[in-house]
Protein backbone atom coordinates (compact mmCIF):
# COMPACT_ATOMS: atom_id res chain seq x y z
CA UNK A 1 0.00 0.00 0.00
CA UNK A 2 1.40 3.36 -1.00
CA UNK A 3 0.91 6.18 1.47
CA UNK A 4 0.71 9.75 0.27
CA UNK A 5 -0.16 11.62 3.46
CA UNK A 6 0.90 11.66 7.08
CA UNK A 7 -1.04 12.99 10.05
CA UNK A 8 1.30 14.34 12.72
CA UNK A 9 0.09 14.46 16.35
CA UNK A 10 -3.51 14.61 15.10
CA UNK A 11 -2.83 18.30 14.38
CA UNK A 12 -1.26 18.59 10.93
CA UNK A 13 -1.62 16.63 7.69
CA UNK A 14 1.42 16.43 5.39
CA UNK A 15 0.20 15.76 1.84
CA UNK A 16 3.24 14.50 -0.06
CA UNK A 17 1.52 14.78 -3.45
CA UNK A 18 1.40 18.58 -3.26
CA UNK A 19 4.10 19.20 -0.58
CA UNK A 20 1.52 20.82 1.68
CA UNK A 21 0.99 21.00 5.42
CA UNK A 22 -2.68 21.35 6.32
CA UNK A 23 -4.25 21.79 9.75
CA UNK A 24 -6.56 18.97 10.78
CA UNK A 25 -10.22 19.92 10.32
CA UNK A 26 -11.42 22.22 13.07
CA UNK A 27 -7.98 23.71 13.73
CA UNK A 28 -7.58 27.45 13.18
CA UNK A 29 -4.29 27.49 11.25
CA UNK A 30 -3.24 28.00 7.66
CA UNK A 31 -2.22 25.52 4.97
CA UNK A 32 1.49 25.85 4.17
CA UNK A 33 3.06 24.81 0.87
CA UNK A 34 6.61 23.56 1.37
CA UNK A 35 9.35 23.94 -1.21
CA UNK A 36 10.40 20.58 -2.63
CA UNK A 37 13.67 20.13 -0.65
CA UNK A 38 11.94 21.01 2.64
CA UNK A 39 9.15 18.53 1.86
CA UNK A 40 11.75 15.84 1.09
CA UNK A 41 13.46 16.55 4.43
CA UNK A 42 10.15 16.06 6.24
CA UNK A 43 9.37 12.90 4.29
CA UNK A 44 12.81 11.47 5.10
CA UNK A 45 12.30 12.18 8.80
CA UNK A 46 8.80 10.67 8.84
CA UNK A 47 9.96 7.53 7.01
CA UNK A 48 13.07 7.07 9.17
CA UNK A 49 11.24 4.84 11.68
CA UNK A 50 12.71 6.80 14.58
CA UNK A 51 16.30 6.58 13.36
CA UNK A 52 18.58 9.59 13.49
CA UNK A 53 19.24 11.03 10.02
CA UNK A 54 22.68 12.61 9.66
CA UNK A 55 23.35 15.82 7.76
CA UNK A 56 25.20 13.82 5.08
CA UNK A 57 22.23 11.47 4.66
CA UNK A 58 19.94 14.48 4.20
CA UNK A 59 22.29 16.09 1.68
CA UNK A 60 22.54 12.84 -0.27
CA UNK A 61 18.84 11.87 -0.26
CA UNK A 62 17.38 15.32 -0.77
CA UNK A 63 19.87 16.97 -3.13
CA UNK A 64 22.85 14.86 -4.29
CA UNK A 65 20.75 11.97 -5.67
CA UNK A 66 19.03 14.54 -7.87
CA UNK A 67 22.32 15.95 -9.15
CA UNK A 68 22.29 19.07 -6.98
CA UNK A 69 25.09 20.13 -4.66
CA UNK A 70 24.19 22.59 -1.91
CA UNK A 71 25.98 24.14 1.03
CA UNK A 72 25.42 23.11 4.63
CA UNK A 73 23.84 26.52 5.14
CA UNK A 74 21.12 25.67 2.60
CA UNK A 75 20.45 22.41 4.43
CA UNK A 76 20.10 24.14 7.81
CA UNK A 77 17.85 26.82 6.28
CA UNK A 78 15.54 24.05 5.04
CA UNK A 79 15.42 22.43 8.49
CA UNK A 80 14.63 25.82 10.04
CA UNK A 81 11.93 26.46 7.44
CA UNK A 82 10.48 23.00 8.12
CA UNK A 83 10.25 23.67 11.87
CA UNK A 84 8.60 27.06 11.36
CA UNK A 85 6.17 25.69 8.78
CA UNK A 86 5.08 22.82 11.04
CA UNK A 87 4.31 25.27 13.85
CA UNK A 88 2.48 27.68 11.51
CA UNK A 89 0.38 24.81 10.17
CA UNK A 90 -0.81 23.96 13.67
CA UNK A 91 1.62 21.75 15.59
CA UNK A 92 1.73 22.78 19.24
CA UNK A 93 5.32 21.63 19.70
CA UNK A 94 8.46 21.27 17.62
CA UNK A 95 8.74 17.62 16.57
CA UNK A 96 12.08 17.90 14.74
CA UNK A 97 14.78 17.20 17.30
CA UNK A 98 18.47 17.99 16.83
CA UNK A 99 20.71 15.24 18.18
CA UNK A 100 24.05 16.87 18.83
CA UNK A 101 26.89 15.73 16.59
CA UNK A 102 24.62 13.09 14.99
CA UNK A 103 21.73 14.62 13.06
CA UNK A 104 17.97 14.99 13.34
CA UNK A 105 15.06 12.77 14.34
CA UNK A 106 11.33 13.02 14.92
CA UNK A 107 10.70 13.55 18.65
CA UNK A 108 9.90 10.52 20.76
CA UNK A 109 6.20 10.37 21.53
CA UNK A 110 5.19 11.97 18.26
CA UNK A 111 2.09 10.29 16.83
CA UNK A 112 2.47 9.68 13.12
CA UNK A 113 -0.32 8.16 11.02
CA UNK A 114 -0.01 7.25 7.35
CA UNK A 115 -3.11 7.60 5.19
CA UNK A 116 -4.06 7.40 1.54
CA UNK A 117 -6.36 9.85 -0.16
CA UNK A 118 -9.11 7.23 -0.07
CA UNK A 119 -8.86 6.88 3.72
CA UNK A 120 -10.70 9.16 6.09
CA UNK A 121 -8.93 10.73 9.07
CA UNK A 122 -10.65 8.30 11.45
CA UNK A 123 -9.46 5.26 9.49
CA UNK A 124 -5.82 6.33 9.52
CA UNK A 125 -3.35 3.68 10.54
CA UNK A 126 -1.48 4.61 13.72
CA UNK A 127 2.25 4.11 13.51
CA UNK A 128 3.48 5.50 16.80
CA UNK A 129 1.52 6.24 19.91
CA UNK A 130 3.59 5.58 23.01
CA UNK A 131 5.44 8.45 24.71
CA UNK A 132 8.42 6.34 25.79
CA UNK A 133 8.68 3.97 22.80
CA UNK A 134 7.79 4.46 19.17
CA UNK A 135 5.84 1.69 17.49
CA UNK A 136 6.33 1.63 13.75
CA UNK A 137 5.32 -1.35 11.61
CA UNK A 138 5.15 -3.54 14.75
CA UNK A 139 8.78 -2.75 15.63
CA UNK A 140 9.77 -1.07 18.86
CA UNK A 141 12.33 1.66 18.57
CA UNK A 142 14.11 2.59 21.78
CA UNK A 143 13.76 6.10 23.12
CA UNK A 144 16.75 8.33 22.42
CA UNK A 145 18.65 9.15 25.58
CA UNK A 146 17.68 12.67 26.70
CA UNK A 147 21.34 13.46 27.37
CA UNK A 148 22.09 13.32 23.63
CA UNK A 149 19.20 15.48 22.58
CA UNK A 150 19.92 19.14 21.85
CA UNK A 151 16.98 21.44 21.22
CA UNK A 152 14.57 18.74 22.30
CA UNK A 153 10.87 19.25 21.89
CA UNK A 154 10.15 22.88 22.65
CA UNK A 155 6.64 23.74 23.63
CA UNK A 156 5.35 27.00 22.29
CA UNK A 157 2.64 29.23 23.61
CA UNK A 158 0.53 31.76 21.78
CA UNK A 159 -0.42 35.28 22.80
CA UNK A 160 -2.67 37.17 20.37
CA UNK A 161 -1.65 34.78 17.59
CA UNK A 162 2.11 35.17 18.16
CA UNK A 163 4.24 32.20 19.20
CA UNK A 164 6.83 32.41 21.95
CA UNK A 165 9.60 32.58 19.32
CA UNK A 166 7.95 35.52 17.55
CA UNK A 167 7.48 37.28 20.88
CA UNK A 168 11.19 36.81 21.64
CA UNK A 169 12.14 38.54 18.38
CA UNK A 170 9.72 41.40 18.99
CA UNK A 171 11.13 41.84 22.50
CA UNK A 172 14.67 41.99 21.10
CA UNK A 173 13.64 44.54 18.47
CA UNK A 174 11.90 46.76 21.04
CA UNK A 175 14.91 46.66 23.38
CA UNK A 176 17.23 47.60 20.48
CA UNK A 177 14.99 50.53 19.50
CA UNK A 178 14.87 51.73 23.10
CA UNK A 179 18.67 51.56 23.34
CA UNK A 180 19.08 53.58 20.14
CA UNK A 181 16.60 56.22 21.35
CA UNK A 182 18.40 56.36 24.69
CA UNK A 183 21.76 56.94 22.95
CA UNK A 184 20.39 59.61 20.62
CA UNK A 185 18.42 61.67 23.15
CA UNK A 186 20.36 61.21 26.37
Foldseek 3Di string as FASTA:
>chain_A
DDFQWKQKQQFWIQGNVQQKIAGHPPDPAHIDRADQLLSQVVVCQVPVQFDFQALVNSQCRRAVVVPHHDDSVVVVVSVVVNQVNVVRNTDQKRQWWAFPPGHIHGAAQMWMWTDHPVDDPVPTDTAAHDRQWGHHPNDTDGHDPPVRIDPHIDGWDDDPRDTPVRVVVVVVVVVVVVVVVVVVPD
